[in-house]
mmCIF file of all heavy atoms, coordinates in Angstrom:
data_MODEL
# 
_entry.id   MODEL 
# 
loop_
_atom_site.group_PDB 
_atom_site.id 
_atom_site.type_symbol 
_atom_site.label_atom_id 
_atom_site.label_alt_id 
_atom_site.label_comp_id 
_atom_site.label_asym_id 
_atom_site.label_entity_id 
_atom_site.label_seq_id 
_atom_site.pdbx_PDB_ins_code 
_atom_site.Cartn_x 
_atom_site.Cartn_y 
_atom_site.Cartn_z 
_atom_site.occupancy 
_atom_site.B_iso_or_equiv 
_atom_site.pdbx_formal_charge 
_atom_site.auth_seq_id 
_atom_site.auth_comp_id 
_atom_site.auth_asym_id 
_atom_site.auth_atom_id 
_atom_site.pdbx_PDB_model_num 
ATOM 1   N N   . SER A 1 1  ? 72.008 100.848 7.802   1.00 0.00 ? 1  SER A N   1 
ATOM 2   C CA  . SER A 1 1  ? 71.047 100.551 6.737   1.00 0.00 ? 1  SER A CA  1 
ATOM 3   C C   . SER A 1 1  ? 69.845 99.787  7.278   1.00 0.00 ? 1  SER A C   1 
ATOM 4   O O   . SER A 1 1  ? 68.695 100.098 6.949   1.00 0.00 ? 1  SER A O   1 
ATOM 5   C CB  . SER A 1 1  ? 71.728 99.731  5.634   1.00 0.00 ? 1  SER A CB  1 
ATOM 6   O OG  . SER A 1 1  ? 72.780 100.447 5.028   1.00 0.00 ? 1  SER A OG  1 
ATOM 7   N N   . VAL A 1 2  ? 70.101 98.791  8.121   1.00 0.00 ? 2  VAL A N   1 
ATOM 8   C CA  . VAL A 1 2  ? 69.013 97.982  8.680   1.00 0.00 ? 2  VAL A CA  1 
ATOM 9   C C   . VAL A 1 2  ? 68.155 98.824  9.622   1.00 0.00 ? 2  VAL A C   1 
ATOM 10  O O   . VAL A 1 2  ? 66.913 98.724  9.614   1.00 0.00 ? 2  VAL A O   1 
ATOM 11  C CB  . VAL A 1 2  ? 69.582 96.745  9.405   1.00 0.00 ? 2  VAL A CB  1 
ATOM 12  C CG1 . VAL A 1 2  ? 68.482 96.005  10.154  1.00 0.00 ? 2  VAL A CG1 1 
ATOM 13  C CG2 . VAL A 1 2  ? 70.258 95.810  8.409   1.00 0.00 ? 2  VAL A CG2 1 
ATOM 14  N N   . ALA A 1 3  ? 68.788 99.662  10.430  1.00 0.00 ? 3  ALA A N   1 
ATOM 15  C CA  . ALA A 1 3  ? 68.033 100.509 11.367  1.00 0.00 ? 3  ALA A CA  1 
ATOM 16  C C   . ALA A 1 3  ? 67.113 101.467 10.614  1.00 0.00 ? 3  ALA A C   1 
ATOM 17  O O   . ALA A 1 3  ? 65.943 101.652 10.987  1.00 0.00 ? 3  ALA A O   1 
ATOM 18  C CB  . ALA A 1 3  ? 69.003 101.282 12.259  1.00 0.00 ? 3  ALA A CB  1 
ATOM 19  N N   . LEU A 1 4  ? 67.630 102.075 9.553   1.00 0.00 ? 4  LEU A N   1 
ATOM 20  C CA  . LEU A 1 4  ? 66.793 102.974 8.753   1.00 0.00 ? 4  LEU A CA  1 
ATOM 21  C C   . LEU A 1 4  ? 65.658 102.209 8.078   1.00 0.00 ? 4  LEU A C   1 
ATOM 22  O O   . LEU A 1 4  ? 64.526 102.701 7.985   1.00 0.00 ? 4  LEU A O   1 
ATOM 23  C CB  . LEU A 1 4  ? 67.658 103.678 7.699   1.00 0.00 ? 4  LEU A CB  1 
ATOM 24  C CG  . LEU A 1 4  ? 68.618 104.741 8.231   1.00 0.00 ? 4  LEU A CG  1 
ATOM 25  C CD1 . LEU A 1 4  ? 69.507 105.250 7.115   1.00 0.00 ? 4  LEU A CD1 1 
ATOM 26  C CD2 . LEU A 1 4  ? 67.844 105.902 8.857   1.00 0.00 ? 4  LEU A CD2 1 
ATOM 27  N N   . PHE A 1 5  ? 65.967 100.996 7.623   1.00 0.00 ? 5  PHE A N   1 
ATOM 28  C CA  . PHE A 1 5  ? 64.917 100.177 7.000   1.00 0.00 ? 5  PHE A CA  1 
ATOM 29  C C   . PHE A 1 5  ? 63.804 99.871  8.003   1.00 0.00 ? 5  PHE A C   1 
ATOM 30  O O   . PHE A 1 5  ? 62.616 99.991  7.680   1.00 0.00 ? 5  PHE A O   1 
ATOM 31  C CB  . PHE A 1 5  ? 65.522 98.875  6.474   1.00 0.00 ? 5  PHE A CB  1 
ATOM 32  C CG  . PHE A 1 5  ? 64.502 97.830  6.123   1.00 0.00 ? 5  PHE A CG  1 
ATOM 33  C CD1 . PHE A 1 5  ? 63.694 97.989  5.016   1.00 0.00 ? 5  PHE A CD1 1 
ATOM 34  C CD2 . PHE A 1 5  ? 64.339 96.707  6.913   1.00 0.00 ? 5  PHE A CD2 1 
ATOM 35  C CE1 . PHE A 1 5  ? 62.733 97.041  4.686   1.00 0.00 ? 5  PHE A CE1 1 
ATOM 36  C CE2 . PHE A 1 5  ? 63.386 95.752  6.603   1.00 0.00 ? 5  PHE A CE2 1 
ATOM 37  C CZ  . PHE A 1 5  ? 62.578 95.917  5.480   1.00 0.00 ? 5  PHE A CZ  1 
ATOM 38  N N   . LEU A 1 6  ? 64.163 99.481  9.203   1.00 0.00 ? 6  LEU A N   1 
ATOM 39  C CA  . LEU A 1 6  ? 63.152 99.155  10.222  1.00 0.00 ? 6  LEU A CA  1 
ATOM 40  C C   . LEU A 1 6  ? 62.319 100.380 10.577  1.00 0.00 ? 6  LEU A C   1 
ATOM 41  O O   . LEU A 1 6  ? 61.125 100.257 10.895  1.00 0.00 ? 6  LEU A O   1 
ATOM 42  C CB  . LEU A 1 6  ? 63.833 98.594  11.469  1.00 0.00 ? 6  LEU A CB  1 
ATOM 43  C CG  . LEU A 1 6  ? 64.516 97.226  11.291  1.00 0.00 ? 6  LEU A CG  1 
ATOM 44  C CD1 . LEU A 1 6  ? 65.239 96.823  12.563  1.00 0.00 ? 6  LEU A CD1 1 
ATOM 45  C CD2 . LEU A 1 6  ? 63.512 96.161  10.874  1.00 0.00 ? 6  LEU A CD2 1 
ATOM 46  N N   . ALA A 1 7  ? 62.942 101.553 10.520  1.00 0.00 ? 7  ALA A N   1 
ATOM 47  C CA  . ALA A 1 7  ? 62.195 102.781 10.819  1.00 0.00 ? 7  ALA A CA  1 
ATOM 48  C C   . ALA A 1 7  ? 61.249 103.161 9.681   1.00 0.00 ? 7  ALA A C   1 
ATOM 49  O O   . ALA A 1 7  ? 60.162 103.703 9.916   1.00 0.00 ? 7  ALA A O   1 
ATOM 50  C CB  . ALA A 1 7  ? 63.175 103.924 11.093  1.00 0.00 ? 7  ALA A CB  1 
ATOM 51  N N   . LEU A 1 8  ? 61.646 102.858 8.431   1.00 0.00 ? 8  LEU A N   1 
ATOM 52  C CA  . LEU A 1 8  ? 60.845 103.255 7.276   1.00 0.00 ? 8  LEU A CA  1 
ATOM 53  C C   . LEU A 1 8  ? 59.789 102.235 6.898   1.00 0.00 ? 8  LEU A C   1 
ATOM 54  O O   . LEU A 1 8  ? 58.739 102.591 6.354   1.00 0.00 ? 8  LEU A O   1 
ATOM 55  C CB  . LEU A 1 8  ? 61.771 103.485 6.068   1.00 0.00 ? 8  LEU A CB  1 
ATOM 56  C CG  . LEU A 1 8  ? 62.736 104.663 6.146   1.00 0.00 ? 8  LEU A CG  1 
ATOM 57  C CD1 . LEU A 1 8  ? 63.731 104.602 4.987   1.00 0.00 ? 8  LEU A CD1 1 
ATOM 58  C CD2 . LEU A 1 8  ? 61.977 105.979 6.121   1.00 0.00 ? 8  LEU A CD2 1 
ATOM 59  N N   . ALA A 1 9  ? 60.053 100.950 7.173   1.00 0.00 ? 9  ALA A N   1 
ATOM 60  C CA  . ALA A 1 9  ? 59.186 99.875  6.689   1.00 0.00 ? 9  ALA A CA  1 
ATOM 61  C C   . ALA A 1 9  ? 57.720 100.049 7.072   1.00 0.00 ? 9  ALA A C   1 
ATOM 62  O O   . ALA A 1 9  ? 56.827 99.835  6.227   1.00 0.00 ? 9  ALA A O   1 
ATOM 63  C CB  . ALA A 1 9  ? 59.710 98.524  7.179   1.00 0.00 ? 9  ALA A CB  1 
ATOM 64  N N   . PRO A 1 10 ? 57.391 100.442 8.317   1.00 0.00 ? 10 PRO A N   1 
ATOM 65  C CA  . PRO A 1 10 ? 55.958 100.567 8.660   1.00 0.00 ? 10 PRO A CA  1 
ATOM 66  C C   . PRO A 1 10 ? 55.230 101.649 7.867   1.00 0.00 ? 10 PRO A C   1 
ATOM 67  O O   . PRO A 1 10 ? 53.994 101.638 7.796   1.00 0.00 ? 10 PRO A O   1 
ATOM 68  C CB  . PRO A 1 10 ? 55.991 100.913 10.152  1.00 0.00 ? 10 PRO A CB  1 
ATOM 69  C CG  . PRO A 1 10 ? 57.322 100.443 10.639  1.00 0.00 ? 10 PRO A CG  1 
ATOM 70  C CD  . PRO A 1 10 ? 58.242 100.661 9.491   1.00 0.00 ? 10 PRO A CD  1 
ATOM 71  N N   . PHE A 1 11 ? 55.990 102.576 7.270   1.00 0.00 ? 11 PHE A N   1 
ATOM 72  C CA  . PHE A 1 11 ? 55.375 103.689 6.551   1.00 0.00 ? 11 PHE A CA  1 
ATOM 73  C C   . PHE A 1 11 ? 55.605 103.595 5.044   1.00 0.00 ? 11 PHE A C   1 
ATOM 74  O O   . PHE A 1 11 ? 55.423 104.572 4.315   1.00 0.00 ? 11 PHE A O   1 
ATOM 75  C CB  . PHE A 1 11 ? 55.944 105.019 7.062   1.00 0.00 ? 11 PHE A CB  1 
ATOM 76  C CG  . PHE A 1 11 ? 55.905 105.159 8.561   1.00 0.00 ? 11 PHE A CG  1 
ATOM 77  C CD1 . PHE A 1 11 ? 57.043 104.928 9.318   1.00 0.00 ? 11 PHE A CD1 1 
ATOM 78  C CD2 . PHE A 1 11 ? 54.720 105.489 9.204   1.00 0.00 ? 11 PHE A CD2 1 
ATOM 79  C CE1 . PHE A 1 11 ? 57.010 105.046 10.702  1.00 0.00 ? 11 PHE A CE1 1 
ATOM 80  C CE2 . PHE A 1 11 ? 54.673 105.609 10.583  1.00 0.00 ? 11 PHE A CE2 1 
ATOM 81  C CZ  . PHE A 1 11 ? 55.823 105.376 11.342  1.00 0.00 ? 11 PHE A CZ  1 
ATOM 82  N N   . ALA A 1 12 ? 55.999 102.409 4.560   1.00 0.00 ? 12 ALA A N   1 
ATOM 83  C CA  . ALA A 1 12 ? 56.358 102.257 3.152   1.00 0.00 ? 12 ALA A CA  1 
ATOM 84  C C   . ALA A 1 12 ? 55.205 102.585 2.208   1.00 0.00 ? 12 ALA A C   1 
ATOM 85  O O   . ALA A 1 12 ? 55.425 103.040 1.079   1.00 0.00 ? 12 ALA A O   1 
ATOM 86  C CB  . ALA A 1 12 ? 56.854 100.831 2.888   1.00 0.00 ? 12 ALA A CB  1 
ATOM 87  N N   . LYS A 1 13 ? 53.976 102.363 2.632   1.00 0.00 ? 13 LYS A N   1 
ATOM 88  C CA  . LYS A 1 13 ? 52.814 102.616 1.782   1.00 0.00 ? 13 LYS A CA  1 
ATOM 89  C C   . LYS A 1 13 ? 52.329 104.059 1.834   1.00 0.00 ? 13 LYS A C   1 
ATOM 90  O O   . LYS A 1 13 ? 51.341 104.407 1.169   1.00 0.00 ? 13 LYS A O   1 
ATOM 91  C CB  . LYS A 1 13 ? 51.666 101.684 2.166   1.00 0.00 ? 13 LYS A CB  1 
ATOM 92  C CG  . LYS A 1 13 ? 51.975 100.198 1.994   1.00 0.00 ? 13 LYS A CG  1 
ATOM 93  C CD  . LYS A 1 13 ? 50.777 99.353  2.373   1.00 0.00 ? 13 LYS A CD  1 
ATOM 94  C CE  . LYS A 1 13 ? 51.112 97.865  2.323   1.00 0.00 ? 13 LYS A CE  1 
ATOM 95  N NZ  . LYS A 1 13 ? 51.459 97.419  0.971   1.00 0.00 ? 13 LYS A NZ  1 
ATOM 96  N N   . LEU A 1 14 ? 52.988 104.902 2.607   1.00 0.00 ? 14 LEU A N   1 
ATOM 97  C CA  . LEU A 1 14 ? 52.568 106.297 2.742   1.00 0.00 ? 14 LEU A CA  1 
ATOM 98  C C   . LEU A 1 14 ? 52.702 107.015 1.399   1.00 0.00 ? 14 LEU A C   1 
ATOM 99  O O   . LEU A 1 14 ? 53.797 107.117 0.846   1.00 0.00 ? 14 LEU A O   1 
ATOM 100 C CB  . LEU A 1 14 ? 53.428 106.995 3.793   1.00 0.00 ? 14 LEU A CB  1 
ATOM 101 C CG  . LEU A 1 14 ? 53.114 108.470 4.056   1.00 0.00 ? 14 LEU A CG  1 
ATOM 102 C CD1 . LEU A 1 14 ? 51.748 108.615 4.718   1.00 0.00 ? 14 LEU A CD1 1 
ATOM 103 C CD2 . LEU A 1 14 ? 54.204 109.085 4.933   1.00 0.00 ? 14 LEU A CD2 1 
ATOM 104 N N   . PRO A 1 15 ? 51.620 107.533 0.830   1.00 0.00 ? 15 PRO A N   1 
ATOM 105 C CA  . PRO A 1 15 ? 51.718 108.216 -0.478  1.00 0.00 ? 15 PRO A CA  1 
ATOM 106 C C   . PRO A 1 15 ? 52.440 109.551 -0.347  1.00 0.00 ? 15 PRO A C   1 
ATOM 107 O O   . PRO A 1 15 ? 52.234 110.297 0.609   1.00 0.00 ? 15 PRO A O   1 
ATOM 108 C CB  . PRO A 1 15 ? 50.257 108.405 -0.886  1.00 0.00 ? 15 PRO A CB  1 
ATOM 109 C CG  . PRO A 1 15 ? 49.495 108.407 0.401   1.00 0.00 ? 15 PRO A CG  1 
ATOM 110 C CD  . PRO A 1 15 ? 50.229 107.483 1.332   1.00 0.00 ? 15 PRO A CD  1 
ATOM 111 N N   . LEU A 1 16 ? 53.292 109.827 -1.314  1.00 0.00 ? 16 LEU A N   1 
ATOM 112 C CA  . LEU A 1 16 ? 54.017 111.088 -1.355  1.00 0.00 ? 16 LEU A CA  1 
ATOM 113 C C   . LEU A 1 16 ? 53.767 111.766 -2.700  1.00 0.00 ? 16 LEU A C   1 
ATOM 114 O O   . LEU A 1 16 ? 53.141 111.194 -3.588  1.00 0.00 ? 16 LEU A O   1 
ATOM 115 C CB  . LEU A 1 16 ? 55.525 110.848 -1.154  1.00 0.00 ? 16 LEU A CB  1 
ATOM 116 C CG  . LEU A 1 16 ? 55.949 110.232 0.180   1.00 0.00 ? 16 LEU A CG  1 
ATOM 117 C CD1 . LEU A 1 16 ? 57.456 110.008 0.206   1.00 0.00 ? 16 LEU A CD1 1 
ATOM 118 C CD2 . LEU A 1 16 ? 55.529 111.111 1.347   1.00 0.00 ? 16 LEU A CD2 1 
ATOM 119 N N   . ALA A 1 17 ? 54.272 112.972 -2.848  1.00 0.00 ? 17 ALA A N   1 
ATOM 120 C CA  . ALA A 1 17 ? 54.069 113.716 -4.088  1.00 0.00 ? 17 ALA A CA  1 
ATOM 121 C C   . ALA A 1 17 ? 54.752 113.007 -5.255  1.00 0.00 ? 17 ALA A C   1 
ATOM 122 O O   . ALA A 1 17 ? 55.832 112.424 -5.107  1.00 0.00 ? 17 ALA A O   1 
ATOM 123 C CB  . ALA A 1 17 ? 54.639 115.125 -3.941  1.00 0.00 ? 17 ALA A CB  1 
ATOM 124 N N   . LYS A 1 18 ? 54.108 113.060 -6.429  1.00 0.00 ? 18 LYS A N   1 
ATOM 125 C CA  . LYS A 1 18 ? 54.698 112.468 -7.625  1.00 0.00 ? 18 LYS A CA  1 
ATOM 126 C C   . LYS A 1 18 ? 55.752 113.413 -8.188  1.00 0.00 ? 18 LYS A C   1 
ATOM 127 O O   . LYS A 1 18 ? 55.460 114.554 -8.532  1.00 0.00 ? 18 LYS A O   1 
ATOM 128 C CB  . LYS A 1 18 ? 53.625 112.205 -8.671  1.00 0.00 ? 18 LYS A CB  1 
ATOM 129 C CG  . LYS A 1 18 ? 52.625 111.123 -8.262  1.00 0.00 ? 18 LYS A CG  1 
ATOM 130 C CD  . LYS A 1 18 ? 51.635 110.848 -9.385  1.00 0.00 ? 18 LYS A CD  1 
ATOM 131 C CE  . LYS A 1 18 ? 50.674 109.737 -8.991  1.00 0.00 ? 18 LYS A CE  1 
ATOM 132 N NZ  . LYS A 1 18 ? 49.714 109.425 -10.066 1.00 0.00 ? 18 LYS A NZ  1 
ATOM 133 N N   . VAL A 1 19 ? 56.978 112.918 -8.275  1.00 0.00 ? 19 VAL A N   1 
ATOM 134 C CA  . VAL A 1 19 ? 58.088 113.716 -8.806  1.00 0.00 ? 19 VAL A CA  1 
ATOM 135 C C   . VAL A 1 19 ? 58.765 112.899 -9.901  1.00 0.00 ? 19 VAL A C   1 
ATOM 136 O O   . VAL A 1 19 ? 59.776 112.231 -9.660  1.00 0.00 ? 19 VAL A O   1 
ATOM 137 C CB  . VAL A 1 19 ? 59.096 114.090 -7.697  1.00 0.00 ? 19 VAL A CB  1 
ATOM 138 C CG1 . VAL A 1 19 ? 60.160 115.032 -8.255  1.00 0.00 ? 19 VAL A CG1 1 
ATOM 139 C CG2 . VAL A 1 19 ? 58.396 114.701 -6.507  1.00 0.00 ? 19 VAL A CG2 1 
ATOM 140 N N   . PRO A 1 20 ? 58.226 112.914 -11.122 1.00 0.00 ? 20 PRO A N   1 
ATOM 141 C CA  . PRO A 1 20 ? 58.819 112.117 -12.205 1.00 0.00 ? 20 PRO A CA  1 
ATOM 142 C C   . PRO A 1 20 ? 60.283 112.465 -12.462 1.00 0.00 ? 20 PRO A C   1 
ATOM 143 O O   . PRO A 1 20 ? 61.065 111.602 -12.870 1.00 0.00 ? 20 PRO A O   1 
ATOM 144 C CB  . PRO A 1 20 ? 57.948 112.470 -13.423 1.00 0.00 ? 20 PRO A CB  1 
ATOM 145 C CG  . PRO A 1 20 ? 56.639 112.881 -12.832 1.00 0.00 ? 20 PRO A CG  1 
ATOM 146 C CD  . PRO A 1 20 ? 56.990 113.577 -11.547 1.00 0.00 ? 20 PRO A CD  1 
ATOM 147 N N   . ALA A 1 21 ? 60.669 113.738 -12.218 1.00 0.00 ? 21 ALA A N   1 
ATOM 148 C CA  . ALA A 1 21 ? 62.058 114.129 -12.451 1.00 0.00 ? 21 ALA A CA  1 
ATOM 149 C C   . ALA A 1 21 ? 63.015 113.361 -11.551 1.00 0.00 ? 21 ALA A C   1 
ATOM 150 O O   . ALA A 1 21 ? 64.194 113.174 -11.899 1.00 0.00 ? 21 ALA A O   1 
ATOM 151 C CB  . ALA A 1 21 ? 62.220 115.629 -12.217 1.00 0.00 ? 21 ALA A CB  1 
ATOM 152 N N   . PHE A 1 22 ? 62.536 112.909 -10.391 1.00 0.00 ? 22 PHE A N   1 
ATOM 153 C CA  . PHE A 1 22 ? 63.374 112.120 -9.492  1.00 0.00 ? 22 PHE A CA  1 
ATOM 154 C C   . PHE A 1 22 ? 63.848 110.842 -10.174 1.00 0.00 ? 22 PHE A C   1 
ATOM 155 O O   . PHE A 1 22 ? 64.999 110.437 -10.014 1.00 0.00 ? 22 PHE A O   1 
ATOM 156 C CB  . PHE A 1 22 ? 62.584 111.780 -8.228  1.00 0.00 ? 22 PHE A CB  1 
ATOM 157 C CG  . PHE A 1 22 ? 63.267 110.785 -7.330  1.00 0.00 ? 22 PHE A CG  1 
ATOM 158 C CD1 . PHE A 1 22 ? 64.234 111.190 -6.427  1.00 0.00 ? 22 PHE A CD1 1 
ATOM 159 C CD2 . PHE A 1 22 ? 62.941 109.430 -7.389  1.00 0.00 ? 22 PHE A CD2 1 
ATOM 160 C CE1 . PHE A 1 22 ? 64.873 110.266 -5.593  1.00 0.00 ? 22 PHE A CE1 1 
ATOM 161 C CE2 . PHE A 1 22 ? 63.562 108.502 -6.570  1.00 0.00 ? 22 PHE A CE2 1 
ATOM 162 C CZ  . PHE A 1 22 ? 64.537 108.926 -5.671  1.00 0.00 ? 22 PHE A CZ  1 
ATOM 163 N N   . ILE A 1 23 ? 62.949 110.207 -10.963 1.00 0.00 ? 23 ILE A N   1 
ATOM 164 C CA  . ILE A 1 23 ? 63.307 108.962 -11.636 1.00 0.00 ? 23 ILE A CA  1 
ATOM 165 C C   . ILE A 1 23 ? 64.421 109.198 -12.642 1.00 0.00 ? 23 ILE A C   1 
ATOM 166 O O   . ILE A 1 23 ? 65.391 108.450 -12.720 1.00 0.00 ? 23 ILE A O   1 
ATOM 167 C CB  . ILE A 1 23 ? 62.081 108.351 -12.332 1.00 0.00 ? 23 ILE A CB  1 
ATOM 168 C CG1 . ILE A 1 23 ? 60.998 108.063 -11.296 1.00 0.00 ? 23 ILE A CG1 1 
ATOM 169 C CG2 . ILE A 1 23 ? 62.446 107.077 -13.073 1.00 0.00 ? 23 ILE A CG2 1 
ATOM 170 C CD1 . ILE A 1 23 ? 61.418 107.079 -10.248 1.00 0.00 ? 23 ILE A CD1 1 
ATOM 171 N N   . GLY A 1 24 ? 64.299 110.278 -13.433 1.00 0.00 ? 24 GLY A N   1 
ATOM 172 C CA  . GLY A 1 24 ? 65.340 110.580 -14.413 1.00 0.00 ? 24 GLY A CA  1 
ATOM 173 C C   . GLY A 1 24 ? 66.688 110.831 -13.771 1.00 0.00 ? 24 GLY A C   1 
ATOM 174 O O   . GLY A 1 24 ? 67.715 110.309 -14.216 1.00 0.00 ? 24 GLY A O   1 
ATOM 175 N N   . ALA A 1 25 ? 66.689 111.627 -12.699 1.00 0.00 ? 25 ALA A N   1 
ATOM 176 C CA  . ALA A 1 25 ? 67.947 111.919 -12.003 1.00 0.00 ? 25 ALA A CA  1 
ATOM 177 C C   . ALA A 1 25 ? 68.518 110.654 -11.370 1.00 0.00 ? 25 ALA A C   1 
ATOM 178 O O   . ALA A 1 25 ? 69.721 110.391 -11.448 1.00 0.00 ? 25 ALA A O   1 
ATOM 179 C CB  . ALA A 1 25 ? 67.707 112.990 -10.942 1.00 0.00 ? 25 ALA A CB  1 
ATOM 180 N N   . TYR A 1 26 ? 67.653 109.866 -10.745 1.00 0.00 ? 26 TYR A N   1 
ATOM 181 C CA  . TYR A 1 26 ? 68.082 108.627 -10.098 1.00 0.00 ? 26 TYR A CA  1 
ATOM 182 C C   . TYR A 1 26 ? 68.674 107.649 -11.103 1.00 0.00 ? 26 TYR A C   1 
ATOM 183 O O   . TYR A 1 26 ? 69.764 107.099 -10.903 1.00 0.00 ? 26 TYR A O   1 
ATOM 184 C CB  . TYR A 1 26 ? 66.879 108.008 -9.388  1.00 0.00 ? 26 TYR A CB  1 
ATOM 185 C CG  . TYR A 1 26 ? 66.973 106.532 -9.138  1.00 0.00 ? 26 TYR A CG  1 
ATOM 186 C CD1 . TYR A 1 26 ? 67.772 106.021 -8.118  1.00 0.00 ? 26 TYR A CD1 1 
ATOM 187 C CD2 . TYR A 1 26 ? 66.243 105.628 -9.911  1.00 0.00 ? 26 TYR A CD2 1 
ATOM 188 C CE1 . TYR A 1 26 ? 67.857 104.658 -7.885  1.00 0.00 ? 26 TYR A CE1 1 
ATOM 189 C CE2 . TYR A 1 26 ? 66.315 104.265 -9.678  1.00 0.00 ? 26 TYR A CE2 1 
ATOM 190 C CZ  . TYR A 1 26 ? 67.127 103.788 -8.668  1.00 0.00 ? 26 TYR A CZ  1 
ATOM 191 O OH  . TYR A 1 26 ? 67.212 102.444 -8.448  1.00 0.00 ? 26 TYR A OH  1 
ATOM 192 N N   . GLN A 1 27 ? 67.971 107.426 -12.228 1.00 0.00 ? 27 GLN A N   1 
ATOM 193 C CA  . GLN A 1 27 ? 68.447 106.465 -13.222 1.00 0.00 ? 27 GLN A CA  1 
ATOM 194 C C   . GLN A 1 27 ? 69.763 106.932 -13.854 1.00 0.00 ? 27 GLN A C   1 
ATOM 195 O O   . GLN A 1 27 ? 70.665 106.122 -14.073 1.00 0.00 ? 27 GLN A O   1 
ATOM 196 C CB  . GLN A 1 27 ? 67.402 106.281 -14.310 1.00 0.00 ? 27 GLN A CB  1 
ATOM 197 C CG  . GLN A 1 27 ? 66.057 105.786 -13.828 1.00 0.00 ? 27 GLN A CG  1 
ATOM 198 C CD  . GLN A 1 27 ? 66.076 104.315 -13.419 1.00 0.00 ? 27 GLN A CD  1 
ATOM 199 O OE1 . GLN A 1 27 ? 65.927 104.008 -12.252 1.00 0.00 ? 27 GLN A OE1 1 
ATOM 200 N NE2 . GLN A 1 27 ? 66.250 103.437 -14.351 1.00 0.00 ? 27 GLN A NE2 1 
ATOM 201 N N   . SER A 1 28 ? 69.871 108.223 -14.146 1.00 0.00 ? 28 SER A N   1 
ATOM 202 C CA  . SER A 1 28 ? 71.096 108.746 -14.765 1.00 0.00 ? 28 SER A CA  1 
ATOM 203 C C   . SER A 1 28 ? 72.293 108.570 -13.853 1.00 0.00 ? 28 SER A C   1 
ATOM 204 O O   . SER A 1 28 ? 73.367 108.133 -14.280 1.00 0.00 ? 28 SER A O   1 
ATOM 205 C CB  . SER A 1 28 ? 70.910 110.226 -15.113 1.00 0.00 ? 28 SER A CB  1 
ATOM 206 O OG  . SER A 1 28 ? 69.844 110.415 -16.017 1.00 0.00 ? 28 SER A OG  1 
# 
């Protein structure tokens, strides 16, 4: 988990496509 976090952290602000359906699936 920590290794993946360190790899992702520098790119956290990278904009990606808006997928509102992801939120519904994630929350459910």
